[in-house]
Amino acid sequence: MSETKRKYFTCDFKAKVALEAVRGLKTVNEIGQDFGVHPTQVTLWKKELTDQASSVFDVKRGTKPVEPSTSPDRLYSEIGRLKMELDWLKKKSGISL
């Protein structure tokens, strides 16, 4: 048995190969040879790109929802708690500024 490691490709690499296949300037075999990928894999990535291309534009533009963890009340309470801890540590350590 051969001990070859499996190749893992990044999303950017897959997109680059798929876009090259969609352009149609080269054959699938040429693209596979240029990028070091099997032609069947190029075809699969091309199909996946064309099938999911419409989902890129599904997201509506507008204001992004605000995370509840960044609400001003929560941040002010966190500041207050940290200030109290700092005062307590200064008192216990004997440091006075």
N, C-alpha and C. Protein backbone atom coordinates (compact mmCIF):
# COMPACT_ATOMS: atom_id res chain seq x y z
N MET A 1 0.83 -1.19 0.00
CA MET A 1 0.00 0.00 0.00
C MET A 1 0.87 1.25 0.00
N SER A 2 0.39 2.25 -0.66
CA SER A 2 1.16 3.49 -0.70
C SER A 2 0.78 4.37 0.49
N GLU A 3 1.72 5.10 0.97
CA GLU A 3 1.54 5.96 2.14
C GLU A 3 1.45 7.43 1.72
N THR A 4 0.70 7.73 0.66
CA THR A 4 0.60 9.11 0.20
C THR A 4 -0.43 9.86 1.03
N LYS A 5 -0.14 11.11 1.28
CA LYS A 5 -1.06 11.95 2.04
C LYS A 5 -2.12 12.53 1.12
N ARG A 6 -3.29 12.70 1.68
CA ARG A 6 -4.40 13.27 0.93
C ARG A 6 -4.18 14.78 0.78
N LYS A 7 -4.49 15.30 -0.39
CA LYS A 7 -4.33 16.73 -0.64
C LYS A 7 -5.57 17.47 -0.16
N TYR A 8 -5.36 18.58 0.51
CA TYR A 8 -6.44 19.44 0.94
C TYR A 8 -6.27 20.78 0.24
N PHE A 9 -7.33 21.25 -0.39
CA PHE A 9 -7.28 22.49 -1.15
C PHE A 9 -8.06 23.56 -0.43
N THR A 10 -7.55 24.78 -0.46
CA THR A 10 -8.24 25.89 0.17
C THR A 10 -9.42 26.33 -0.69
N CYS A 11 -10.31 27.08 -0.07
CA CYS A 11 -11.48 27.59 -0.78
C CYS A 11 -11.06 28.53 -1.91
N ASP A 12 -10.04 29.33 -1.65
CA ASP A 12 -9.55 30.26 -2.68
C ASP A 12 -9.03 29.51 -3.89
N PHE A 13 -8.31 28.43 -3.65
CA PHE A 13 -7.76 27.64 -4.74
C PHE A 13 -8.87 27.00 -5.56
N LYS A 14 -9.87 26.44 -4.85
CA LYS A 14 -11.00 25.81 -5.54
C LYS A 14 -11.75 26.83 -6.40
N ALA A 15 -11.95 28.03 -5.84
CA ALA A 15 -12.65 29.08 -6.59
C ALA A 15 -11.86 29.49 -7.82
N LYS A 16 -10.56 29.60 -7.67
CA LYS A 16 -9.70 29.99 -8.79
C LYS A 16 -9.78 28.97 -9.92
N VAL A 17 -9.72 27.68 -9.55
CA VAL A 17 -9.79 26.62 -10.55
C VAL A 17 -11.17 26.60 -11.20
N ALA A 18 -12.23 26.73 -10.40
CA ALA A 18 -13.60 26.69 -10.93
C ALA A 18 -13.86 27.88 -11.85
N LEU A 19 -13.38 29.05 -11.49
CA LEU A 19 -13.56 30.22 -12.35
C LEU A 19 -12.82 30.06 -13.67
N GLU A 20 -11.67 29.46 -13.61
CA GLU A 20 -10.92 29.20 -14.84
C GLU A 20 -11.70 28.24 -15.74
N ALA A 21 -12.35 27.26 -15.13
CA ALA A 21 -13.16 26.31 -15.90
C ALA A 21 -14.40 26.98 -16.48
N VAL A 22 -15.00 27.90 -15.73
CA VAL A 22 -16.19 28.60 -16.21
C VAL A 22 -15.85 29.51 -17.39
N ARG A 23 -14.67 30.10 -17.36
CA ARG A 23 -14.27 30.99 -18.45
C ARG A 23 -14.25 30.25 -19.79
N GLY A 24 -13.82 29.00 -19.77
CA GLY A 24 -13.83 28.19 -20.96
C GLY A 24 -12.72 28.45 -21.95
N LEU A 25 -11.67 29.14 -21.53
CA LEU A 25 -10.55 29.42 -22.42
C LEU A 25 -9.67 28.19 -22.63
N LYS A 26 -9.65 27.30 -21.64
CA LYS A 26 -8.85 26.08 -21.71
C LYS A 26 -9.77 24.89 -21.49
N THR A 27 -9.31 23.73 -21.90
CA THR A 27 -10.07 22.51 -21.64
C THR A 27 -9.90 22.10 -20.19
N VAL A 28 -10.78 21.22 -19.73
CA VAL A 28 -10.72 20.75 -18.35
C VAL A 28 -9.41 20.02 -18.10
N ASN A 29 -8.94 19.29 -19.09
CA ASN A 29 -7.66 18.59 -18.94
C ASN A 29 -6.51 19.57 -18.79
N GLU A 30 -6.50 20.64 -19.57
CA GLU A 30 -5.43 21.64 -19.47
C GLU A 30 -5.46 22.33 -18.11
N ILE A 31 -6.66 22.65 -17.63
CA ILE A 31 -6.78 23.30 -16.32
C ILE A 31 -6.27 22.37 -15.23
N GLY A 32 -6.68 21.11 -15.30
CA GLY A 32 -6.22 20.14 -14.32
C GLY A 32 -4.72 19.98 -14.32
N GLN A 33 -4.14 20.00 -15.49
CA GLN A 33 -2.69 19.87 -15.60
C GLN A 33 -1.98 21.11 -15.06
N ASP A 34 -2.53 22.28 -15.36
CA ASP A 34 -1.92 23.53 -14.89
C ASP A 34 -1.93 23.63 -13.37
N PHE A 35 -3.03 23.22 -12.75
CA PHE A 35 -3.18 23.38 -11.32
C PHE A 35 -2.84 22.12 -10.52
N GLY A 36 -2.54 21.03 -11.21
CA GLY A 36 -2.18 19.80 -10.51
C GLY A 36 -3.38 19.12 -9.86
N VAL A 37 -4.53 19.18 -10.54
CA VAL A 37 -5.77 18.62 -10.02
C VAL A 37 -6.33 17.69 -11.08
N HIS A 38 -7.01 16.64 -10.65
CA HIS A 38 -7.61 15.71 -11.60
C HIS A 38 -8.76 16.41 -12.34
N PRO A 39 -8.90 16.16 -13.63
CA PRO A 39 -9.95 16.82 -14.42
C PRO A 39 -11.37 16.59 -13.88
N THR A 40 -11.63 15.42 -13.29
CA THR A 40 -12.94 15.16 -12.70
C THR A 40 -13.21 16.13 -11.55
N GLN A 41 -12.17 16.41 -10.77
CA GLN A 41 -12.32 17.35 -9.65
C GLN A 41 -12.60 18.75 -10.16
N VAL A 42 -11.96 19.14 -11.24
CA VAL A 42 -12.21 20.45 -11.85
C VAL A 42 -13.67 20.56 -12.26
N THR A 43 -14.19 19.50 -12.87
CA THR A 43 -15.59 19.49 -13.31
C THR A 43 -16.53 19.61 -12.12
N LEU A 44 -16.23 18.91 -11.02
CA LEU A 44 -17.08 18.98 -9.83
C LEU A 44 -17.08 20.38 -9.23
N TRP A 45 -15.91 21.00 -9.15
CA TRP A 45 -15.83 22.35 -8.60
C TRP A 45 -16.55 23.35 -9.50
N LYS A 46 -16.46 23.17 -10.81
CA LYS A 46 -17.16 24.04 -11.75
C LYS A 46 -18.67 23.91 -11.57
N LYS A 47 -19.15 22.68 -11.45
CA LYS A 47 -20.58 22.44 -11.26
C LYS A 47 -21.06 23.05 -9.95
N GLU A 48 -20.28 22.88 -8.89
CA GLU A 48 -20.64 23.45 -7.59
C GLU A 48 -20.70 24.98 -7.65
N LEU A 49 -19.76 25.57 -8.36
CA LEU A 49 -19.75 27.03 -8.50
C LEU A 49 -20.97 27.52 -9.25
N THR A 50 -21.30 26.88 -10.35
CA THR A 50 -22.44 27.33 -11.15
C THR A 50 -23.76 27.08 -10.42
N ASP A 51 -23.85 26.00 -9.64
CA ASP A 51 -25.08 25.72 -8.89
C ASP A 51 -25.29 26.71 -7.74
N GLN A 52 -24.23 27.13 -7.11
CA GLN A 52 -24.35 28.00 -5.94
C GLN A 52 -24.06 29.46 -6.23
N ALA A 53 -23.90 29.82 -7.47
CA ALA A 53 -23.58 31.21 -7.81
C ALA A 53 -24.71 32.15 -7.44
N SER A 54 -25.95 31.70 -7.56
CA SER A 54 -27.08 32.59 -7.24
C SER A 54 -27.18 32.89 -5.75
N SER A 55 -26.66 32.01 -4.91
CA SER A 55 -26.74 32.24 -3.46
C SER A 55 -25.82 33.37 -3.01
N VAL A 56 -24.88 33.75 -3.84
CA VAL A 56 -23.99 34.86 -3.50
C VAL A 56 -24.78 36.16 -3.35
N PHE A 57 -25.82 36.30 -4.17
CA PHE A 57 -26.59 37.53 -4.19
C PHE A 57 -27.88 37.44 -3.38
N ASP A 58 -28.08 36.36 -2.62
CA ASP A 58 -29.29 36.20 -1.82
C ASP A 58 -29.34 37.14 -0.63
N VAL A 59 -28.20 37.45 -0.07
CA VAL A 59 -28.15 38.26 1.14
C VAL A 59 -28.54 39.70 0.82
N LYS A 60 -29.49 40.21 1.56
CA LYS A 60 -29.94 41.59 1.38
C LYS A 60 -28.94 42.54 2.02
N ARG A 61 -28.78 43.67 1.40
CA ARG A 61 -27.91 44.69 1.98
C ARG A 61 -28.70 45.46 3.02
N GLY A 62 -28.01 46.08 3.88
CA GLY A 62 -28.65 46.88 4.91
C GLY A 62 -27.80 46.84 6.16
N THR A 63 -28.38 47.33 7.23
CA THR A 63 -27.64 47.34 8.48
C THR A 63 -27.51 45.92 8.99
N LYS A 64 -26.37 45.64 9.53
CA LYS A 64 -26.12 44.33 10.10
C LYS A 64 -26.76 44.26 11.48
N PRO A 65 -27.29 43.11 11.85
CA PRO A 65 -27.88 42.99 13.18
C PRO A 65 -26.82 43.16 14.26
N VAL A 66 -27.20 43.85 15.32
CA VAL A 66 -26.28 44.13 16.40
C VAL A 66 -26.25 42.93 17.34
N GLU A 67 -25.05 42.52 17.69
CA GLU A 67 -24.91 41.42 18.62
C GLU A 67 -25.33 41.89 20.01
N PRO A 68 -26.10 41.07 20.72
CA PRO A 68 -26.51 41.48 22.07
C PRO A 68 -25.33 41.58 23.03
N SER A 69 -24.23 40.91 22.72
CA SER A 69 -23.07 40.96 23.61
C SER A 69 -22.37 42.32 23.57
N THR A 70 -22.67 43.15 22.57
CA THR A 70 -22.01 44.46 22.49
C THR A 70 -22.94 45.61 22.83
N SER A 71 -24.01 45.31 23.54
CA SER A 71 -24.93 46.39 23.91
C SER A 71 -24.24 47.33 24.90
N PRO A 72 -24.57 48.62 24.85
CA PRO A 72 -23.90 49.59 25.73
C PRO A 72 -24.09 49.29 27.22
N ASP A 73 -25.29 48.85 27.61
CA ASP A 73 -25.52 48.56 29.03
C ASP A 73 -24.60 47.45 29.53
N ARG A 74 -24.43 46.44 28.71
CA ARG A 74 -23.57 45.32 29.09
C ARG A 74 -22.13 45.79 29.19
N LEU A 75 -21.70 46.63 28.25
CA LEU A 75 -20.32 47.12 28.27
C LEU A 75 -20.06 48.03 29.48
N TYR A 76 -21.02 48.90 29.81
CA TYR A 76 -20.86 49.77 30.97
C TYR A 76 -20.80 48.96 32.26
N SER A 77 -21.61 47.91 32.36
CA SER A 77 -21.57 47.08 33.57
C SER A 77 -20.23 46.35 33.67
N GLU A 78 -19.69 45.92 32.53
CA GLU A 78 -18.39 45.26 32.51
C GLU A 78 -17.29 46.23 32.94
N ILE A 79 -17.36 47.48 32.48
CA ILE A 79 -16.38 48.50 32.88
C ILE A 79 -16.45 48.73 34.38
N GLY A 80 -17.67 48.83 34.90
CA GLY A 80 -17.84 49.05 36.34
C GLY A 80 -17.27 47.91 37.16
N ARG A 81 -17.53 46.69 36.73
CA ARG A 81 -17.03 45.52 37.44
C ARG A 81 -15.50 45.50 37.43
N LEU A 82 -14.91 45.78 36.28
CA LEU A 82 -13.45 45.78 36.18
C LEU A 82 -12.81 46.90 37.00
N LYS A 83 -13.48 48.04 37.06
CA LYS A 83 -12.97 49.16 37.86
C LYS A 83 -12.99 48.80 39.34
N MET A 84 -14.06 48.13 39.79
CA MET A 84 -14.14 47.72 41.19
C MET A 84 -13.04 46.71 41.51
N GLU A 85 -12.79 45.76 40.61
CA GLU A 85 -11.73 44.79 40.82
C GLU A 85 -10.37 45.46 40.90
N LEU A 86 -10.14 46.44 40.03
CA LEU A 86 -8.87 47.16 40.02
C LEU A 86 -8.69 47.94 41.33
N ASP A 87 -9.74 48.61 41.79
CA ASP A 87 -9.65 49.34 43.07
C ASP A 87 -9.35 48.39 44.22
N TRP A 88 -10.00 47.23 44.22
CA TRP A 88 -9.79 46.24 45.28
C TRP A 88 -8.35 45.74 45.26
N LEU A 89 -7.83 45.46 44.04
CA LEU A 89 -6.44 44.99 43.96
C LEU A 89 -5.44 46.06 44.38
N LYS A 90 -5.72 47.31 44.04
CA LYS A 90 -4.83 48.40 44.48
C LYS A 90 -4.83 48.49 46.00
N LYS A 91 -5.99 48.36 46.60
CA LYS A 91 -6.12 48.47 48.05
C LYS A 91 -5.37 47.32 48.74
N LYS A 92 -5.53 46.11 48.23
CA LYS A 92 -4.90 44.94 48.84
C LYS A 92 -3.37 44.95 48.66
N SER A 93 -2.91 45.45 47.55
CA SER A 93 -1.48 45.44 47.30
C SER A 93 -0.76 46.64 47.91
N GLY A 94 -1.51 47.65 48.31
CA GLY A 94 -0.91 48.81 48.94
C GLY A 94 -0.40 49.83 47.94
N ILE A 95 -0.79 49.70 46.68
CA ILE A 95 -0.36 50.65 45.65
C ILE A 95 -1.31 51.83 45.66
N SER A 96 -0.74 53.03 45.73
CA SER A 96 -1.57 54.23 45.63
C SER A 96 -0.98 55.12 44.54
N LEU A 97 -1.83 55.55 43.64
CA LEU A 97 -1.33 56.37 42.53
C LEU A 97 -1.67 57.80 42.74
